[in-house]
Amino acid sequence: MDQSFHLQKLGQAFKAMRTNRGLTQEALAGLAGVTRLKVIAMEAGRSSVAMESYARLAGALGAELTLSPRTRPTLDELKDFQ
């Protein structure tokens, strides 16, 4: 499975958590100690972002990054992948 699929899903999850908490990208960037451009890149699922930045964002959102065994995506998930 292409890593970009997983990065895009991670970015979508971060964006959903941010918007559910009523935070702007700028506000989240301040909480996480990263730039707004970094938040934009993470929400877009860009592969150029360091893992440390993802960990900072997760911490600022009160979440944690975990690893789980790989599963195959559902057809609905593949439809959402662009």
PDB file of N, CA and C in Angstrom:
ATOM      1  N   MET A   1       0.851  -1.178   0.000  1.00  0.00           N
ATOM      2  CA  MET A   1       0.000   0.000   0.000  1.00  0.00           C
ATOM      3  C   MET A   1       0.892   1.236   0.000  1.00  0.00           C
ATOM      4  N   ASP A   2       0.549   2.168  -0.791  1.00  0.00           N
ATOM      5  CA  ASP A   2       1.279   3.418  -0.940  1.00  0.00           C
ATOM      6  C   ASP A   2       1.218   4.224   0.357  1.00  0.00           C
ATOM      7  N   GLN A   3       2.366   4.726   0.804  1.00  0.00           N
ATOM      8  CA  GLN A   3       2.392   5.500   2.045  1.00  0.00           C
ATOM      9  C   GLN A   3       1.569   6.771   1.949  1.00  0.00           C
ATOM     10  N   SER A   4       1.394   7.316   0.755  1.00  0.00           N
ATOM     11  CA  SER A   4       0.627   8.557   0.628  1.00  0.00           C
ATOM     12  C   SER A   4      -0.823   8.360   1.056  1.00  0.00           C
ATOM     13  N   PHE A   5      -1.361   7.161   0.880  1.00  0.00           N
ATOM     14  CA  PHE A   5      -2.726   6.872   1.329  1.00  0.00           C
ATOM     15  C   PHE A   5      -2.815   7.036   2.841  1.00  0.00           C
ATOM     16  N   HIS A   6      -1.842   6.479   3.567  1.00  0.00           N
ATOM     17  CA  HIS A   6      -1.844   6.551   5.027  1.00  0.00           C
ATOM     18  C   HIS A   6      -1.594   7.973   5.512  1.00  0.00           C
ATOM     19  N   LEU A   7      -0.704   8.691   4.848  1.00  0.00           N
ATOM     20  CA  LEU A   7      -0.444  10.074   5.232  1.00  0.00           C
ATOM     21  C   LEU A   7      -1.668  10.947   4.997  1.00  0.00           C
ATOM     22  N   GLN A   8      -2.385  10.682   3.913  1.00  0.00           N
ATOM     23  CA  GLN A   8      -3.597  11.455   3.646  1.00  0.00           C
ATOM     24  C   GLN A   8      -4.648  11.174   4.723  1.00  0.00           C
ATOM     25  N   LYS A   9      -4.803   9.922   5.106  1.00  0.00           N
ATOM     26  CA  LYS A   9      -5.759   9.586   6.169  1.00  0.00           C
ATOM     27  C   LYS A   9      -5.362  10.239   7.487  1.00  0.00           C
ATOM     28  N   LEU A  10      -4.077  10.242   7.800  1.00  0.00           N
ATOM     29  CA  LEU A  10      -3.594  10.881   9.015  1.00  0.00           C
ATOM     30  C   LEU A  10      -3.884  12.381   8.970  1.00  0.00           C
ATOM     31  N   GLY A  11      -3.627  12.990   7.844  1.00  0.00           N
ATOM     32  CA  GLY A  11      -3.911  14.418   7.686  1.00  0.00           C
ATOM     33  C   GLY A  11      -5.383  14.734   7.847  1.00  0.00           C
ATOM     34  N   GLN A  12      -6.241  13.891   7.288  1.00  0.00           N
ATOM     35  CA  GLN A  12      -7.686  14.085   7.434  1.00  0.00           C
ATOM     36  C   GLN A  12      -8.105  13.964   8.891  1.00  0.00           C
ATOM     37  N   ALA A  13      -7.491  13.031   9.612  1.00  0.00           N
ATOM     38  CA  ALA A  13      -7.815  12.856  11.031  1.00  0.00           C
ATOM     39  C   ALA A  13      -7.387  14.078  11.837  1.00  0.00           C
ATOM     40  N   PHE A  14      -6.200  14.607  11.559  1.00  0.00           N
ATOM     41  CA  PHE A  14      -5.749  15.811  12.256  1.00  0.00           C
ATOM     42  C   PHE A  14      -6.677  16.990  11.968  1.00  0.00           C
ATOM     43  N   LYS A  15      -7.061  17.150  10.722  1.00  0.00           N
ATOM     44  CA  LYS A  15      -7.948  18.267  10.372  1.00  0.00           C
ATOM     45  C   LYS A  15      -9.291  18.129  11.082  1.00  0.00           C
ATOM     46  N   ALA A  16      -9.840  16.920  11.108  1.00  0.00           N
ATOM     47  CA  ALA A  16     -11.123  16.695  11.777  1.00  0.00           C
ATOM     48  C   ALA A  16     -11.017  17.004  13.267  1.00  0.00           C
ATOM     49  N   MET A  17      -9.941  16.574  13.904  1.00  0.00           N
ATOM     50  CA  MET A  17      -9.755  16.860  15.331  1.00  0.00           C
ATOM     51  C   MET A  17      -9.630  18.363  15.566  1.00  0.00           C
ATOM     52  N   ARG A  18      -8.886  19.033  14.704  1.00  0.00           N
ATOM     53  CA  ARG A  18      -8.700  20.480  14.847  1.00  0.00           C
ATOM     54  C   ARG A  18     -10.021  21.219  14.711  1.00  0.00           C
ATOM     55  N   THR A  19     -10.774  20.899  13.669  1.00  0.00           N
ATOM     56  CA  THR A  19     -12.034  21.615  13.442  1.00  0.00           C
ATOM     57  C   THR A  19     -13.071  21.269  14.502  1.00  0.00           C
ATOM     58  N   ASN A  20     -13.079  20.028  14.976  1.00  0.00           N
ATOM     59  CA  ASN A  20     -14.005  19.647  16.051  1.00  0.00           C
ATOM     60  C   ASN A  20     -13.723  20.413  17.335  1.00  0.00           C
ATOM     61  N   ARG A  21     -12.492  20.820  17.518  1.00  0.00           N
ATOM     62  CA  ARG A  21     -12.120  21.590  18.705  1.00  0.00           C
ATOM     63  C   ARG A  21     -12.245  23.093  18.471  1.00  0.00           C
ATOM     64  N   GLY A  22     -12.659  23.481  17.271  1.00  0.00           N
ATOM     65  CA  GLY A  22     -12.843  24.897  16.960  1.00  0.00           C
ATOM     66  C   GLY A  22     -11.543  25.675  16.829  1.00  0.00           C
ATOM     67  N   LEU A  23     -10.472  24.982  16.468  1.00  0.00           N
ATOM     68  CA  LEU A  23      -9.171  25.633  16.330  1.00  0.00           C
ATOM     69  C   LEU A  23      -8.890  25.997  14.882  1.00  0.00           C
ATOM     70  N   THR A  24      -8.257  27.129  14.684  1.00  0.00           N
ATOM     71  CA  THR A  24      -7.750  27.478  13.360  1.00  0.00           C
ATOM     72  C   THR A  24      -6.400  26.792  13.177  1.00  0.00           C
ATOM     73  N   GLN A  25      -5.930  26.770  11.951  1.00  0.00           N
ATOM     74  CA  GLN A  25      -4.600  26.212  11.700  1.00  0.00           C
ATOM     75  C   GLN A  25      -3.546  27.017  12.446  1.00  0.00           C
ATOM     76  N   GLU A  26      -3.712  28.331  12.478  1.00  0.00           N
ATOM     77  CA  GLU A  26      -2.761  29.208  13.173  1.00  0.00           C
ATOM     78  C   GLU A  26      -2.733  28.920  14.673  1.00  0.00           C
ATOM     79  N   ALA A  27      -3.921  28.750  15.265  1.00  0.00           N
ATOM     80  CA  ALA A  27      -3.992  28.468  16.703  1.00  0.00           C
ATOM     81  C   ALA A  27      -3.349  27.122  17.029  1.00  0.00           C
ATOM     82  N   LEU A  28      -3.635  26.117  16.219  1.00  0.00           N
ATOM     83  CA  LEU A  28      -3.041  24.797  16.450  1.00  0.00           C
ATOM     84  C   LEU A  28      -1.529  24.846  16.278  1.00  0.00           C
ATOM     85  N   ALA A  29      -1.072  25.581  15.284  1.00  0.00           N
ATOM     86  CA  ALA A  29       0.366  25.723  15.068  1.00  0.00           C
ATOM     87  C   ALA A  29       1.035  26.307  16.307  1.00  0.00           C
ATOM     88  N   GLY A  30       0.413  27.319  16.898  1.00  0.00           N
ATOM     89  CA  GLY A  30       0.962  27.921  18.108  1.00  0.00           C
ATOM     90  C   GLY A  30       1.016  26.942  19.265  1.00  0.00           C
ATOM     91  N   LEU A  31      -0.037  26.166  19.438  1.00  0.00           N
ATOM     92  CA  LEU A  31      -0.072  25.170  20.512  1.00  0.00           C
ATOM     93  C   LEU A  31       0.982  24.081  20.313  1.00  0.00           C
ATOM     94  N   ALA A  32       1.205  23.715  19.058  1.00  0.00           N
ATOM     95  CA  ALA A  32       2.125  22.618  18.743  1.00  0.00           C
ATOM     96  C   ALA A  32       3.574  23.073  18.591  1.00  0.00           C
ATOM     97  N   GLY A  33       3.784  24.377  18.487  1.00  0.00           N
ATOM     98  CA  GLY A  33       5.145  24.873  18.293  1.00  0.00           C
ATOM     99  C   GLY A  33       5.677  24.628  16.898  1.00  0.00           C
ATOM    100  N   VAL A  34       4.769  24.663  15.918  1.00  0.00           N
ATOM    101  CA  VAL A  34       5.162  24.522  14.512  1.00  0.00           C
ATOM    102  C   VAL A  34       4.559  25.697  13.740  1.00  0.00           C
ATOM    103  N   THR A  35       4.921  25.837  12.489  1.00  0.00           N
ATOM    104  CA  THR A  35       4.363  26.913  11.677  1.00  0.00           C
ATOM    105  C   THR A  35       3.007  26.512  11.099  1.00  0.00           C
ATOM    106  N   ARG A  36       2.239  27.517  10.704  1.00  0.00           N
ATOM    107  CA  ARG A  36       0.953  27.247  10.050  1.00  0.00           C
ATOM    108  C   ARG A  36       1.180  26.462   8.758  1.00  0.00           C
ATOM    109  N   LEU A  37       2.246  26.782   8.038  1.00  0.00           N
ATOM    110  CA  LEU A  37       2.541  26.051   6.802  1.00  0.00           C
ATOM    111  C   LEU A  37       2.787  24.572   7.074  1.00  0.00           C
ATOM    112  N   LYS A  38       3.377  24.268   8.235  1.00  0.00           N
ATOM    113  CA  LYS A  38       3.608  22.868   8.612  1.00  0.00           C
ATOM    114  C   LYS A  38       2.272  22.175   8.874  1.00  0.00           C
ATOM    115  N   VAL A  39       1.339  22.871   9.537  1.00  0.00           N
ATOM    116  CA  VAL A  39       0.008  22.300   9.784  1.00  0.00           C
ATOM    117  C   VAL A  39      -0.689  22.036   8.455  1.00  0.00           C
ATOM    118  N   ILE A  40      -0.598  22.968   7.534  1.00  0.00           N
ATOM    119  CA  ILE A  40      -1.201  22.796   6.207  1.00  0.00           C
ATOM    120  C   ILE A  40      -0.611  21.559   5.526  1.00  0.00           C
ATOM    121  N   ALA A  41       0.706  21.413   5.589  1.00  0.00           N
ATOM    122  CA  ALA A  41       1.370  20.261   4.961  1.00  0.00           C
ATOM    123  C   ALA A  41       0.927  18.950   5.601  1.00  0.00           C
ATOM    124  N   MET A  42       0.799  18.947   6.931  1.00  0.00           N
ATOM    125  CA  MET A  42       0.376  17.722   7.617  1.00  0.00           C
ATOM    126  C   MET A  42      -1.060  17.372   7.267  1.00  0.00           C
ATOM    127  N   GLU A  43      -1.937  18.364   7.251  1.00  0.00           N
ATOM    128  CA  GLU A  43      -3.335  18.092   6.919  1.00  0.00           C
ATOM    129  C   GLU A  43      -3.485  17.625   5.476  1.00  0.00           C
ATOM    130  N   ALA A  44      -2.549  18.024   4.618  1.00  0.00           N
ATOM    131  CA  ALA A  44      -2.571  17.595   3.218  1.00  0.00           C
ATOM    132  C   ALA A  44      -1.916  16.228   3.032  1.00  0.00           C
ATOM    133  N   GLY A  45      -1.280  15.709   4.088  1.00  0.00           N
ATOM    134  CA  GLY A  45      -0.647  14.398   3.997  1.00  0.00           C
ATOM    135  C   GLY A  45       0.659  14.394   3.234  1.00  0.00           C
ATOM    136  N   ARG A  46       1.369  15.511   3.256  1.00  0.00           N
ATOM    137  CA  ARG A  46       2.642  15.580   2.534  1.00  0.00           C
ATOM    138  C   ARG A  46       3.711  14.762   3.245  1.00  0.00           C
ATOM    139  N   SER A  47       4.512  14.083   2.470  1.00  0.00           N
ATOM    140  CA  SER A  47       5.519  13.176   3.032  1.00  0.00           C
ATOM    141  C   SER A  47       6.777  13.892   3.500  1.00  0.00           C
ATOM    142  N   SER A  48       6.889  15.184   3.245  1.00  0.00           N
ATOM    143  CA  SER A  48       8.096  15.918   3.621  1.00  0.00           C
ATOM    144  C   SER A  48       8.106  16.345   5.088  1.00  0.00           C
ATOM    145  N   VAL A  49       7.065  16.024   5.835  1.00  0.00           N
ATOM    146  CA  VAL A  49       6.949  16.452   7.228  1.00  0.00           C
ATOM    147  C   VAL A  49       7.622  15.430   8.150  1.00  0.00           C
ATOM    148  N   ALA A  50       8.426  15.920   9.089  1.00  0.00           N
ATOM    149  CA  ALA A  50       9.125  15.044  10.035  1.00  0.00           C
ATOM    150  C   ALA A  50       8.146  14.448  11.040  1.00  0.00           C
ATOM    151  N   MET A  51       8.468  13.262  11.498  1.00  0.00           N
ATOM    152  CA  MET A  51       7.628  12.570  12.477  1.00  0.00           C
ATOM    153  C   MET A  51       7.474  13.390  13.751  1.00  0.00           C
ATOM    154  N   GLU A  52       8.505  14.116  14.133  1.00  0.00           N
ATOM    155  CA  GLU A  52       8.434  14.958  15.334  1.00  0.00           C
ATOM    156  C   GLU A  52       7.296  15.977  15.221  1.00  0.00           C
ATOM    157  N   SER A  53       7.086  16.519  14.036  1.00  0.00           N
ATOM    158  CA  SER A  53       6.006  17.488  13.846  1.00  0.00           C
ATOM    159  C   SER A  53       4.641  16.832  14.021  1.00  0.00           C
ATOM    160  N   TYR A  54       4.496  15.609  13.522  1.00  0.00           N
ATOM    161  CA  TYR A  54       3.236  14.889  13.725  1.00  0.00           C
ATOM    162  C   TYR A  54       3.001  14.636  15.215  1.00  0.00           C
ATOM    163  N   ALA A  55       4.067  14.282  15.941  1.00  0.00           N
ATOM    164  CA  ALA A  55       3.941  14.037  17.381  1.00  0.00           C
ATOM    165  C   ALA A  55       3.566  15.317  18.121  1.00  0.00           C
ATOM    166  N   ARG A  56       4.137  16.445  17.725  1.00  0.00           N
ATOM    167  CA  ARG A  56       3.799  17.727  18.349  1.00  0.00           C
ATOM    168  C   ARG A  56       2.331  18.075  18.118  1.00  0.00           C
ATOM    169  N   LEU A  57       1.875  17.863  16.895  1.00  0.00           N
ATOM    170  CA  LEU A  57       0.482  18.167  16.568  1.00  0.00           C
ATOM    171  C   LEU A  57      -0.458  17.273  17.364  1.00  0.00           C
ATOM    172  N   ALA A  58      -0.135  16.002  17.439  1.00  0.00           N
ATOM    173  CA  ALA A  58      -0.967  15.074  18.209  1.00  0.00           C
ATOM    174  C   ALA A  58      -1.031  15.507  19.669  1.00  0.00           C
ATOM    175  N   GLY A  59       0.103  15.861  20.239  1.00  0.00           N
ATOM    176  CA  GLY A  59       0.137  16.305  21.624  1.00  0.00           C
ATOM    177  C   GLY A  59      -0.700  17.551  21.849  1.00  0.00           C
ATOM    178  N   ALA A  60      -0.629  18.494  20.927  1.00  0.00           N
ATOM    179  CA  ALA A  60      -1.403  19.731  21.046  1.00  0.00           C
ATOM    180  C   ALA A  60      -2.902  19.465  20.969  1.00  0.00           C
ATOM    181  N   LEU A  61      -3.276  18.398  20.288  1.00  0.00           N
ATOM    182  CA  LEU A  61      -4.692  18.037  20.157  1.00  0.00           C
ATOM    183  C   LEU A  61      -5.148  17.081  21.262  1.00  0.00           C
ATOM    184  N   GLY A  62      -4.238  16.735  22.165  1.00  0.00           N
ATOM    185  CA  GLY A  62      -4.585  15.796  23.232  1.00  0.00           C
ATOM    186  C   GLY A  62      -4.751  14.379  22.723  1.00  0.00           C
ATOM    187  N   ALA A  63      -4.004  14.055  21.679  1.00  0.00           N
ATOM    188  CA  ALA A  63      -4.083  12.724  21.067  1.00  0.00           C
ATOM    189  C   ALA A  63      -2.698  12.086  21.112  1.00  0.00           C
ATOM    190  N   GLU A  64      -2.632  10.843  20.716  1.00  0.00           N
ATOM    191  CA  GLU A  64      -1.341  10.170  20.605  1.00  0.00           C
ATOM    192  C   GLU A  64      -1.298   9.388  19.307  1.00  0.00           C
ATOM    193  N   LEU A  65      -0.099   9.227  18.793  1.00  0.00           N
ATOM    194  CA  LEU A  65       0.096   8.430  17.584  1.00  0.00           C
ATOM    195  C   LEU A  65       0.366   6.994  18.005  1.00  0.00           C
ATOM    196  N   THR A  66      -0.342   6.060  17.400  1.00  0.00           N
ATOM    197  CA  THR A  66      -0.132   4.649  17.697  1.00  0.00           C
ATOM    198  C   THR A  66       0.034   3.878  16.400  1.00  0.00           C
ATOM    199  N   LEU A  67       0.695   2.760  16.497  1.00  0.00           N
ATOM    200  CA  LEU A  67       0.851   1.872  15.349  1.00  0.00           C
ATOM    201  C   LEU A  67      -0.052   0.677  15.544  1.00  0.00           C
ATOM    202  N   SER A  68      -0.645   0.236  14.464  1.00  0.00           N
ATOM    203  CA  SER A  68      -1.480  -0.955  14.518  1.00  0.00           C
ATOM    204  C   SER A  68      -1.202  -1.790  13.272  1.00  0.00           C
ATOM    205  N   PRO A  69      -1.538  -3.068  13.329  1.00  0.00           N
ATOM    206  CA  PRO A  69      -1.309  -3.913  12.158  1.00  0.00           C
ATOM    207  C   PRO A  69      -2.028  -3.349  10.933  1.00  0.00           C
ATOM    208  N   ARG A  70      -1.389  -3.491   9.813  1.00  0.00           N
ATOM    209  CA  ARG A  70      -1.941  -2.973   8.565  1.00  0.00           C
ATOM    210  C   ARG A  70      -3.180  -3.763   8.169  1.00  0.00           C
ATOM    211  N   THR A  71      -4.176  -3.056   7.736  1.00  0.00           N
ATOM    212  CA  THR A  71      -5.374  -3.675   7.182  1.00  0.00           C
ATOM    213  C   THR A  71      -5.569  -3.127   5.775  1.00  0.00           C
ATOM    214  N   ARG A  72      -6.302  -3.841   5.014  1.00  0.00           N
ATOM    215  CA  ARG A  72      -6.591  -3.362   3.660  1.00  0.00           C
ATOM    216  C   ARG A  72      -7.700  -2.321   3.728  1.00  0.00           C
ATOM    217  N   PRO A  73      -7.593  -1.261   2.914  1.00  0.00           N
ATOM    218  CA  PRO A  73      -8.634  -0.237   2.931  1.00  0.00           C
ATOM    219  C   PRO A  73      -9.938  -0.776   2.346  1.00  0.00           C
ATOM    220  N   THR A  74     -11.030  -0.214   2.816  1.00  0.00           N
ATOM    221  CA  THR A  74     -12.326  -0.582   2.263  1.00  0.00           C
ATOM    222  C   THR A  74     -12.513   0.125   0.930  1.00  0.00           C
ATOM    223  N   LEU A  75     -13.502  -0.298   0.169  1.00  0.00           N
ATOM    224  CA  LEU A  75     -13.788   0.371  -1.100  1.00  0.00           C
ATOM    225  C   LEU A  75     -14.158   1.827  -0.877  1.00  0.00           C
ATOM    226  N   ASP A  76     -14.898   2.111   0.188  1.00  0.00           N
ATOM    227  CA  ASP A  76     -15.269   3.495   0.484  1.00  0.00           C
ATOM    228  C   ASP A  76     -14.034   4.348   0.771  1.00  0.00           C
ATOM    229  N   GLU A  77     -13.066   3.791   1.500  1.00  0.00           N
ATOM    230  CA  GLU A  77     -11.839   4.530   1.782  1.00  0.00           C
ATOM    231  C   GLU A  77     -11.063   4.799   0.501  1.00  0.00           C
ATOM    232  N   LEU A  78     -11.031   3.838  -0.384  1.00  0.00           N
ATOM    233  CA  LEU A  78     -10.321   4.033  -1.646  1.00  0.00           C
ATOM    234  C   LEU A  78     -10.998   5.081  -2.513  1.00  0.00           C
ATOM    235  N   LYS A  79     -12.314   5.181  -2.443  1.00  0.00           N
ATOM    236  CA  LYS A  79     -13.036   6.202  -3.208  1.00  0.00           C
ATOM    237  C   LYS A  79     -12.654   7.593  -2.732  1.00  0.00           C
ATOM    238  N   ASP A  80     -12.415   7.733  -1.411  1.00  0.00           N
ATOM    239  CA  ASP A  80     -12.060   9.029  -0.837  1.00  0.00           C
ATOM    240  C   ASP A  80     -10.625   9.426  -1.136  1.00  0.00           C
ATOM    241  N   PHE A  81      -9.789   8.463  -1.488  1.00  0.00           N
ATOM    242  CA  PHE A  81      -8.383   8.737  -1.763  1.00  0.00           C
ATOM    243  C   PHE A  81      -8.258   9.391  -3.123  1.00  0.00           C
ATOM    244  N   GLN A  82      -7.565  10.510  -3.145  1.00  0.00           N
ATOM    245  CA  GLN A  82      -7.442  11.250  -4.409  1.00  0.00           C
ATOM    246  C   GLN A  82      -6.025  11.253  -4.876  1.00  0.00           C
TER     247      GLN A  82
END
